[in-house]
N, C-alpha and C. Protein backbone atom coordinates (compact mmCIF):
# COMPACT_ATOMS: atom_id res chain seq x y z
N UNK A 1 -8.81 120.45 25.11
CA UNK A 1 -8.14 120.47 25.25
C UNK A 1 -7.65 122.25 25.97
N UNK A 2 -8.41 122.62 25.21
CA UNK A 2 -8.02 124.37 25.40
C UNK A 2 -8.93 124.45 26.59
N UNK A 3 -9.64 123.62 27.19
CA UNK A 3 -10.99 123.59 27.95
C UNK A 3 -10.16 123.84 29.02
N UNK A 4 -9.56 122.24 28.92
CA UNK A 4 -8.38 122.20 29.82
C UNK A 4 -7.66 123.47 30.91
N UNK A 5 -6.92 123.68 30.07
CA UNK A 5 -5.55 124.83 29.89
C UNK A 5 -6.65 126.03 30.59
N UNK A 6 -7.83 126.42 30.23
CA UNK A 6 -8.28 127.74 30.74
C UNK A 6 -9.08 127.02 32.25
N UNK A 7 -9.12 126.13 32.68
CA UNK A 7 -9.84 125.76 33.78
C UNK A 7 -8.21 125.92 34.81
N UNK A 8 -6.94 125.63 34.86
CA UNK A 8 -6.03 125.77 35.17
C UNK A 8 -5.48 126.88 35.75
N UNK A 9 -6.01 127.97 34.17
CA UNK A 9 -5.68 129.44 34.15
C UNK A 9 -6.35 129.92 35.57
N UNK A 10 -7.72 129.79 35.77
CA UNK A 10 -8.57 130.30 36.49
C UNK A 10 -8.45 129.50 37.95
N UNK A 11 -7.85 128.15 38.06
CA UNK A 11 -7.61 127.56 39.66
C UNK A 11 -6.22 128.98 40.31
N UNK A 12 -5.33 128.97 39.21
CA UNK A 12 -4.15 130.38 39.83
C UNK A 12 -5.35 131.77 39.53
N UNK A 13 -5.74 131.67 39.68
CA UNK A 13 -6.21 133.38 39.51
C UNK A 13 -7.14 133.59 40.69
N UNK A 14 -8.16 132.90 40.68
CA UNK A 14 -9.29 132.97 41.31
C UNK A 14 -9.42 131.77 42.71
N UNK A 15 -8.41 131.40 42.79
CA UNK A 15 -8.57 130.03 44.02
C UNK A 15 -8.97 128.55 43.69
N UNK A 16 -9.05 128.23 44.71
CA UNK A 16 -9.79 127.14 45.18
C UNK A 16 -10.62 126.69 44.83
N UNK A 17 -11.25 127.45 44.91
CA UNK A 17 -12.89 127.34 44.87
C UNK A 17 -13.60 127.40 43.68
N UNK A 18 -12.87 127.73 43.01
CA UNK A 18 -13.38 127.43 41.55
C UNK A 18 -13.12 126.16 40.95
N UNK A 19 -11.87 125.48 41.21
CA UNK A 19 -11.45 124.47 40.66
C UNK A 19 -12.20 123.29 40.30
N UNK A 20 -13.61 123.32 41.50
CA UNK A 20 -14.19 122.04 41.13
C UNK A 20 -15.05 122.50 40.04
N UNK A 21 -15.21 123.72 40.16
CA UNK A 21 -16.65 124.31 38.90
C UNK A 21 -15.42 124.32 37.29
N UNK A 22 -14.57 124.42 37.65
CA UNK A 22 -14.18 125.37 36.00
C UNK A 22 -13.46 123.89 35.36
N UNK A 23 -13.29 123.05 36.37
CA UNK A 23 -12.42 121.37 35.56
C UNK A 23 -13.70 120.79 35.14
N UNK A 24 -13.33 120.83 33.89
CA UNK A 24 -14.18 119.11 33.00
C UNK A 24 -12.91 118.56 32.65
N UNK A 25 -13.90 117.15 32.25
CA UNK A 25 -12.88 116.27 32.28
C UNK A 25 -13.13 115.81 30.71
N UNK A 26 -11.71 115.99 30.48
CA UNK A 26 -11.50 115.18 28.66
C UNK A 26 -12.40 114.23 28.56
N UNK A 27 -12.92 114.44 26.93
CA UNK A 27 -13.61 113.12 26.96
C UNK A 27 -12.81 111.89 26.16
N UNK A 28 -13.40 110.72 27.07
CA UNK A 28 -12.50 109.78 27.31
C UNK A 28 -12.74 109.32 25.68
N UNK A 29 -11.16 109.05 25.18
CA UNK A 29 -11.15 107.88 24.15
C UNK A 29 -10.96 106.69 23.56
N UNK A 30 -11.78 105.80 22.92
CA UNK A 30 -11.94 104.44 23.12
C UNK A 30 -9.88 103.91 22.50
N UNK A 31 -9.94 102.98 23.33
CA UNK A 31 -8.54 102.33 23.33
C UNK A 31 -8.23 101.80 21.99
N UNK A 32 -7.22 102.33 21.38
CA UNK A 32 -7.50 101.59 19.77
C UNK A 32 -6.79 100.57 19.74
N UNK A 33 -7.08 99.72 19.11
CA UNK A 33 -6.44 98.43 18.80
C UNK A 33 -5.62 98.02 17.67
N UNK A 34 -4.72 97.57 18.07
CA UNK A 34 -4.02 97.76 17.01
C UNK A 34 -3.76 96.43 15.77
N UNK A 35 -3.51 97.32 15.10
CA UNK A 35 -3.66 96.20 13.76
C UNK A 35 -2.72 95.07 13.51
N UNK A 36 -3.19 93.68 12.96
CA UNK A 36 -1.90 93.11 13.09
C UNK A 36 -1.06 93.09 12.36
N UNK A 37 -0.32 93.56 11.84
CA UNK A 37 0.82 93.65 10.54
C UNK A 37 1.36 92.53 10.10
N UNK A 38 1.24 92.31 8.34
CA UNK A 38 1.99 91.60 8.40
C UNK A 38 3.05 91.69 7.14
N UNK A 39 4.28 92.05 7.59
CA UNK A 39 5.19 92.91 7.01
C UNK A 39 5.53 91.79 6.22
N UNK A 40 6.63 92.73 4.87
CA UNK A 40 7.03 91.27 3.56
C UNK A 40 8.45 90.50 4.54
N UNK A 41 9.36 91.49 5.65
CA UNK A 41 10.16 90.55 6.30
C UNK A 41 10.14 89.22 6.62
N UNK A 42 8.68 89.38 7.43
CA UNK A 42 8.26 88.48 8.32
C UNK A 42 7.91 87.11 7.29
N UNK A 43 6.90 87.30 6.43
CA UNK A 43 6.81 86.57 5.21
C UNK A 43 8.10 85.68 4.95
N UNK A 44 9.25 86.54 3.91
CA UNK A 44 10.64 86.29 3.76
C UNK A 44 11.33 85.17 4.34
N UNK A 45 11.48 86.12 5.85
CA UNK A 45 11.95 84.97 6.95
C UNK A 45 11.13 83.42 6.92
N UNK A 46 9.80 83.43 7.56
CA UNK A 46 9.31 82.28 7.75
C UNK A 46 9.88 81.53 6.03
N UNK A 47 9.06 82.43 4.46
CA UNK A 47 9.60 81.69 3.23
C UNK A 47 11.24 80.74 3.29
N UNK A 48 12.46 81.49 4.23
CA UNK A 48 13.84 81.65 3.83
C UNK A 48 13.77 80.02 4.77
N UNK A 49 13.44 80.06 6.60
CA UNK A 49 13.50 78.81 7.01
C UNK A 49 12.94 77.38 6.58
N UNK A 50 12.08 77.58 6.12
CA UNK A 50 11.58 76.57 5.41
C UNK A 50 12.61 76.51 4.17
N UNK A 51 13.29 77.52 3.58
CA UNK A 51 14.08 76.76 2.29
C UNK A 51 15.25 76.23 2.37
N UNK A 52 15.69 77.16 4.24
CA UNK A 52 16.50 76.29 4.57
C UNK A 52 16.39 75.07 5.15
N UNK A 53 15.89 75.23 5.80
CA UNK A 53 15.46 73.54 6.22
C UNK A 53 15.39 72.44 4.68
N UNK A 54 14.73 72.65 3.91
CA UNK A 54 14.98 71.54 2.78
C UNK A 54 16.37 71.66 2.06
N UNK A 55 16.29 72.64 2.25
CA UNK A 55 18.42 72.26 1.42
C UNK A 55 19.48 71.75 2.59
N UNK A 56 19.30 71.84 3.53
CA UNK A 56 20.05 70.96 4.95
C UNK A 56 19.19 69.56 5.20
N UNK A 57 18.07 69.46 4.26
CA UNK A 57 17.48 68.34 4.20
C UNK A 57 17.65 67.12 3.15
N UNK A 58 18.01 67.77 1.89
CA UNK A 58 18.58 67.35 1.20
C UNK A 58 20.14 66.83 0.79
N UNK A 59 20.53 67.91 1.91
CA UNK A 59 22.44 67.54 1.80
C UNK A 59 22.40 66.43 3.32
N UNK A 60 21.46 66.45 3.89
CA UNK A 60 21.85 65.23 4.83
C UNK A 60 21.54 63.74 4.02
N UNK A 61 20.29 64.14 3.10
CA UNK A 61 20.08 62.77 1.94
C UNK A 61 21.05 62.52 1.01
N UNK A 62 21.82 63.60 0.55
CA UNK A 62 23.26 63.42 -0.37
C UNK A 62 24.45 62.87 0.50
N UNK A 63 24.87 63.36 1.62
CA UNK A 63 25.55 63.18 2.58
C UNK A 63 24.91 61.15 2.96
N UNK A 64 23.91 60.88 3.68
CA UNK A 64 23.76 59.69 3.66
C UNK A 64 24.03 58.91 2.47
N UNK A 65 23.24 58.94 1.32
CA UNK A 65 23.42 58.51 0.13
C UNK A 65 25.24 58.25 0.18
N UNK A 66 26.16 59.45 -0.57
CA UNK A 66 27.90 58.97 -0.13
C UNK A 66 28.02 58.58 0.79
N UNK A 67 27.51 57.91 1.83
CA UNK A 67 28.35 57.56 2.64
C UNK A 67 27.51 55.70 2.30
N UNK A 68 26.48 55.35 1.89
CA UNK A 68 26.06 54.32 1.31
C UNK A 68 26.74 53.83 0.29
N UNK A 69 26.89 54.52 -0.41
CA UNK A 69 27.56 54.43 -1.92
C UNK A 69 28.86 53.77 -1.05
N UNK A 70 29.27 54.93 -0.71
CA UNK A 70 30.95 54.35 -0.11
C UNK A 70 31.47 52.86 0.72
N UNK A 71 29.91 52.96 1.18
CA UNK A 71 29.89 51.11 1.66
C UNK A 71 30.09 50.81 1.21
N UNK A 72 28.89 50.79 0.46
CA UNK A 72 28.85 49.34 -0.90
C UNK A 72 30.08 49.28 -2.05
N UNK A 73 30.53 50.16 -2.33
CA UNK A 73 31.71 50.45 -2.67
C UNK A 73 33.15 49.45 -2.30
N UNK A 74 32.91 49.96 -0.86
CA UNK A 74 34.82 49.39 -0.15
C UNK A 74 33.40 47.65 -0.14
N UNK A 75 32.70 46.96 -0.05
CA UNK A 75 32.26 45.89 0.23
C UNK A 75 32.88 45.23 -1.17
N UNK A 76 32.13 45.74 -1.79
CA UNK A 76 32.75 45.39 -3.41
C UNK A 76 34.02 45.02 -3.50
N UNK A 77 34.95 45.89 -3.16
CA UNK A 77 36.52 45.77 -3.34
C UNK A 77 36.71 44.43 -2.66
N UNK A 78 36.18 44.44 -1.28
CA UNK A 78 36.96 43.04 -0.22
C UNK A 78 36.37 42.29 -1.17
N UNK A 79 35.42 42.17 -1.75
CA UNK A 79 34.47 40.76 -2.65
C UNK A 79 35.74 40.93 -3.50
N UNK A 80 36.08 41.90 -4.62
CA UNK A 80 37.16 41.47 -5.48
C UNK A 80 38.29 41.03 -5.09
N UNK A 81 38.65 41.39 -3.91
CA UNK A 81 40.38 41.12 -3.12
C UNK A 81 40.17 39.55 -3.06
N UNK A 82 39.01 38.98 -2.24
CA UNK A 82 38.84 38.01 -2.47
C UNK A 82 39.17 36.74 -3.06
N UNK A 83 38.06 37.06 -4.19
CA UNK A 83 37.98 36.77 -5.64
C UNK A 83 39.15 36.38 -6.48
N UNK A 84 40.07 37.75 -5.95
CA UNK A 84 41.32 37.62 -6.63
C UNK A 84 42.32 36.88 -5.73
N UNK A 85 41.96 37.21 -4.78
CA UNK A 85 43.12 35.71 -4.36
C UNK A 85 42.68 34.58 -4.06
N UNK A 86 41.33 34.04 -4.20
CA UNK A 86 41.49 32.64 -4.54
C UNK A 86 41.47 32.44 -6.32
N UNK A 87 41.82 32.95 -6.79
CA UNK A 87 42.18 33.05 -7.99
C UNK A 87 43.19 32.89 -8.60
N UNK A 88 43.97 34.46 -7.47
CA UNK A 88 45.30 34.06 -7.75
C UNK A 88 46.86 33.21 -7.55
N UNK A 89 45.97 32.41 -7.20
CA UNK A 89 46.62 30.96 -6.05
C UNK A 89 47.40 30.37 -6.92
N UNK A 90 49.00 30.18 -6.47
CA UNK A 90 49.68 29.48 -7.78
C UNK A 90 49.58 28.37 -7.82
N UNK A 91 48.68 27.63 -9.32
CA UNK A 91 49.11 26.61 -9.36
C UNK A 91 49.69 25.98 -10.36
N UNK A 92 50.32 24.65 -10.46
CA UNK A 92 51.39 23.41 -11.11
C UNK A 92 50.49 23.86 -12.56
N UNK A 93 51.23 24.22 -13.41
CA UNK A 93 50.96 23.80 -15.03
C UNK A 93 50.69 22.43 -15.10
N UNK A 94 50.25 22.72 -16.21
CA UNK A 94 50.39 20.98 -17.41
C UNK A 94 51.22 21.08 -18.20
N UNK A 95 51.60 19.83 -17.72
CA UNK A 95 53.43 19.16 -18.59
C UNK A 95 52.77 19.47 -20.37
N UNK A 96 53.59 19.52 -21.07
CA UNK A 96 53.24 19.11 -22.26
C UNK A 96 53.29 17.76 -22.58
N UNK A 97 52.77 17.62 -23.90
CA UNK A 97 52.35 16.44 -24.60
C UNK A 97 53.61 16.20 -25.42
N UNK A 98 54.71 15.08 -24.97
CA UNK A 98 55.74 15.57 -25.81
C UNK A 98 55.44 13.94 -26.89
N UNK A 99 54.62 12.90 -26.72
CA UNK A 99 54.21 11.54 -27.09
C UNK A 99 53.47 12.58 -28.82
N UNK A 100 53.17 13.70 -29.27
CA UNK A 100 52.28 14.22 -30.46
C UNK A 100 53.02 15.46 -30.17
N UNK A 101 54.32 15.99 -31.06
CA UNK A 101 55.36 17.23 -30.82
C UNK A 101 54.14 17.87 -31.92
N UNK A 102 54.10 19.07 -32.02
CA UNK A 102 53.55 20.50 -32.93
C UNK A 102 54.23 20.29 -33.83
N UNK A 103 53.23 20.19 -35.05
CA UNK A 103 54.29 20.21 -36.63
C UNK A 103 53.24 20.83 -36.90
N UNK A 104 54.13 22.53 -37.85
CA UNK A 104 53.70 23.43 -38.06
C UNK A 104 53.39 23.46 -39.57
N UNK A 105 51.66 23.72 -39.88
CA UNK A 105 51.04 23.25 -41.42
C UNK A 105 51.29 24.58 -42.10
N UNK A 106 51.79 24.04 -43.30
CA UNK A 106 52.20 24.89 -44.52
C UNK A 106 50.71 26.07 -44.78
N UNK A 107 50.89 27.34 -44.77
CA UNK A 107 49.50 28.11 -44.85
C UNK A 107 48.70 28.29 -45.91
N UNK A 108 47.43 28.06 -46.06
CA UNK A 108 46.80 28.16 -46.79
C UNK A 108 46.50 29.11 -47.95
N UNK A 109 47.19 30.43 -47.54
CA UNK A 109 46.94 31.57 -48.03
C UNK A 109 48.29 31.28 -49.36
N UNK A 110 47.64 32.54 -50.41
CA UNK A 110 48.82 32.34 -51.16
C UNK A 110 49.89 33.17 -51.71
N UNK A 111 50.86 32.97 -51.99
CA UNK A 111 52.20 34.20 -50.84
C UNK A 111 51.90 35.44 -52.11
N UNK A 112 52.11 36.67 -51.35
CA UNK A 112 52.06 37.55 -52.17
C UNK A 112 53.51 37.98 -53.17
N UNK A 113 52.27 38.76 -54.14
CA UNK A 113 53.35 38.62 -55.33
C UNK A 113 54.29 39.81 -55.36
N UNK A 114 55.44 40.05 -55.74
CA UNK A 114 56.07 41.42 -55.29
C UNK A 114 55.80 42.15 -56.99
N UNK A 115 55.85 43.49 -56.29
CA UNK A 115 54.98 44.69 -57.42
C UNK A 115 57.00 45.90 -57.43
N UNK A 116 56.80 45.96 -58.79
CA UNK A 116 58.01 47.09 -59.03
C UNK A 116 57.04 48.32 -58.63
N UNK A 117 58.10 48.93 -57.70
CA UNK A 117 57.37 50.70 -57.22
C UNK A 117 57.62 51.47 -58.00
N UNK A 118 56.24 52.38 -58.22
CA UNK A 118 56.23 53.56 -59.30
C UNK A 118 56.57 54.61 -59.13
N UNK A 119 57.54 54.73 -59.81
CA UNK A 119 58.41 55.85 -60.08
C UNK A 119 57.83 57.40 -60.64
N UNK A 120 56.63 57.26 -61.26
CA UNK A 120 56.05 58.33 -61.79
C UNK A 120 55.23 59.24 -60.48
N UNK A 121 55.34 60.49 -61.35
CA UNK A 121 54.90 61.50 -60.22
C UNK A 121 53.23 61.49 -61.23
N UNK A 122 52.50 61.60 -60.19
CA UNK A 122 51.36 61.61 -61.26
C UNK A 122 51.20 62.90 -61.40
N UNK A 123 50.55 63.64 -62.60
CA UNK A 123 50.59 65.02 -62.58
C UNK A 123 49.71 65.80 -61.88
N UNK A 124 49.25 65.92 -61.41
CA UNK A 124 48.16 66.97 -59.99
C UNK A 124 49.63 67.30 -59.65
N UNK A 125 50.93 66.84 -59.33
CA UNK A 125 51.37 66.73 -57.83
C UNK A 125 52.42 67.31 -58.51
N UNK A 126 52.62 67.31 -59.71
CA UNK A 126 54.16 68.10 -60.11
C UNK A 126 54.13 69.22 -60.00
N UNK A 127 55.69 69.88 -60.40
CA UNK A 127 55.47 71.34 -59.84
C UNK A 127 54.94 71.63 -61.68
N UNK A 128 54.74 72.99 -61.50
CA UNK A 128 54.60 73.52 -63.09
C UNK A 128 55.65 73.79 -63.97
N UNK A 129 56.73 74.23 -63.44
CA UNK A 129 57.71 74.63 -64.37
C UNK A 129 58.31 72.93 -64.98
N UNK A 130 58.24 71.98 -64.17
CA UNK A 130 58.30 70.81 -64.19
C UNK A 130 57.35 70.09 -65.08
N UNK A 131 55.98 70.20 -65.24
CA UNK A 131 55.05 69.91 -66.40
C UNK A 131 55.41 70.81 -67.74
N UNK A 132 56.50 71.87 -68.55
CA UNK A 132 56.14 71.95 -69.24
C UNK A 132 57.18 71.06 -69.86
N UNK A 133 57.39 70.35 -70.85
CA UNK A 133 58.42 69.57 -71.08
C UNK A 133 59.46 71.00 -72.14
N UNK A 134 60.70 70.20 -72.53
CA UNK A 134 61.76 70.85 -72.96
C UNK A 134 61.55 71.71 -74.25
N UNK A 135 60.37 71.08 -75.90
CA UNK A 135 59.68 71.78 -76.81
C UNK A 135 59.68 73.00 -76.12
N UNK A 136 59.01 73.22 -75.24
CA UNK A 136 58.09 74.10 -75.16
C UNK A 136 58.97 75.43 -74.33
N UNK A 137 60.10 74.90 -73.92
CA UNK A 137 60.66 76.37 -73.50
C UNK A 137 61.29 77.10 -74.86
N UNK A 138 60.83 78.19 -75.35
CA UNK A 138 61.33 78.97 -76.51
C UNK A 138 62.48 79.66 -76.56
N UNK A 139 62.87 79.80 -74.93
CA UNK A 139 63.85 81.09 -75.23
C UNK A 139 64.70 80.70 -73.30
N UNK A 140 65.24 81.89 -73.37
CA UNK A 140 66.68 81.28 -72.50
C UNK A 140 66.02 81.72 -71.27
N UNK A 141 64.98 82.91 -70.81
CA UNK A 141 64.00 82.78 -70.06
C UNK A 141 63.29 81.71 -69.46
N UNK A 142 63.26 81.25 -70.13
CA UNK A 142 62.53 79.82 -69.12
C UNK A 142 62.88 79.11 -68.44
N UNK A 143 62.69 78.48 -68.19
CA UNK A 143 63.73 77.52 -67.32
C UNK A 143 63.98 76.30 -68.26
N UNK A 144 65.63 76.31 -67.94
CA UNK A 144 66.28 75.53 -69.20
C UNK A 144 66.28 73.63 -68.50
N UNK A 145 66.00 73.56 -67.36
CA UNK A 145 66.68 72.23 -67.18
C UNK A 145 65.32 71.87 -65.61
N UNK A 146 65.36 70.64 -65.91
CA UNK A 146 63.80 70.33 -64.63
C UNK A 146 65.17 70.07 -63.31
N UNK A 147 64.35 69.37 -62.56
CA UNK A 147 64.85 69.34 -61.03
C UNK A 147 65.69 67.53 -61.28
N UNK A 148 66.44 67.47 -60.63
CA UNK A 148 67.10 66.04 -60.86
C UNK A 148 66.39 65.23 -60.16
N UNK A 149 65.57 65.22 -59.71
CA UNK A 149 64.52 63.82 -59.14
C UNK A 149 63.54 63.57 -60.29
N UNK A 150 63.71 64.46 -61.14
CA UNK A 150 62.53 64.36 -62.22
C UNK A 150 63.10 63.63 -62.95
N UNK A 151 64.91 64.19 -63.46
CA UNK A 151 65.57 63.77 -64.64
C UNK A 151 66.20 62.16 -64.19
N UNK A 152 66.17 61.86 -62.98
CA UNK A 152 66.09 61.03 -62.35
C UNK A 152 65.19 59.43 -62.72
N UNK A 153 63.58 60.01 -62.68
CA UNK A 153 63.02 58.90 -62.70
C UNK A 153 62.35 59.00 -64.25
N UNK A 154 62.79 60.46 -64.65
CA UNK A 154 62.92 60.01 -66.18
C UNK A 154 63.80 58.79 -67.19
N UNK A 155 64.62 59.24 -66.52
CA UNK A 155 66.11 58.34 -67.67
C UNK A 155 65.58 56.86 -66.76
N UNK A 156 65.35 56.80 -65.51
CA UNK A 156 64.87 54.67 -65.10
C UNK A 156 63.39 54.55 -65.94
N UNK A 157 62.64 55.99 -66.65
CA UNK A 157 61.45 55.03 -67.28
C UNK A 157 61.88 54.73 -68.73
N UNK A 158 63.05 55.31 -69.54
CA UNK A 158 63.80 55.58 -70.76
C UNK A 158 64.50 53.83 -70.67
N UNK A 159 64.90 54.19 -69.41
CA UNK A 159 66.01 52.53 -69.33
C UNK A 159 65.58 51.07 -69.54
N UNK A 160 63.87 51.41 -68.84
CA UNK A 160 63.60 50.02 -68.45
C UNK A 160 62.15 50.19 -70.10
N UNK A 161 61.87 51.01 -70.66
CA UNK A 161 61.17 51.02 -71.59
C UNK A 161 59.77 51.20 -71.05
N UNK A 162 59.45 51.97 -70.18
CA UNK A 162 58.09 51.90 -69.97
C UNK A 162 57.25 53.34 -70.69
N UNK A 163 58.06 54.27 -71.16
CA UNK A 163 57.55 55.12 -71.48
C UNK A 163 57.57 55.46 -72.96
């Protein structure tokens, strides 16, 4: 490059006769061969296109399957309607036999035996103040009476002689 600029300077200084002598052709470089680059974007675009194609194919299959299923369901419903229409045709009922009237028979089971209700309150379900007997209450600070429901049950037991 430096030689080329020097030659141009000489042309202007000395005239055109020196042009042919001073001009030297620069060395020719070999043409560069471009390297085929594989960018990640290009690879990713190809993979994405494959994936998009697979998704579209899957959606198409699902849609086709749904349409087939709906068609089958419609056919089944139509068959069911036809069957119900045949079955639900009103038909005459048979006349009952009046020469043999229905006579109910007595049950073979034993009748239930009535039991008296249990008015006893189990010990684990009673209130603490009700568990104390009247003999245990020693002073006015203790509760002096039982609730009315407990008194009623005790009176019933005493009247019947169960206690």
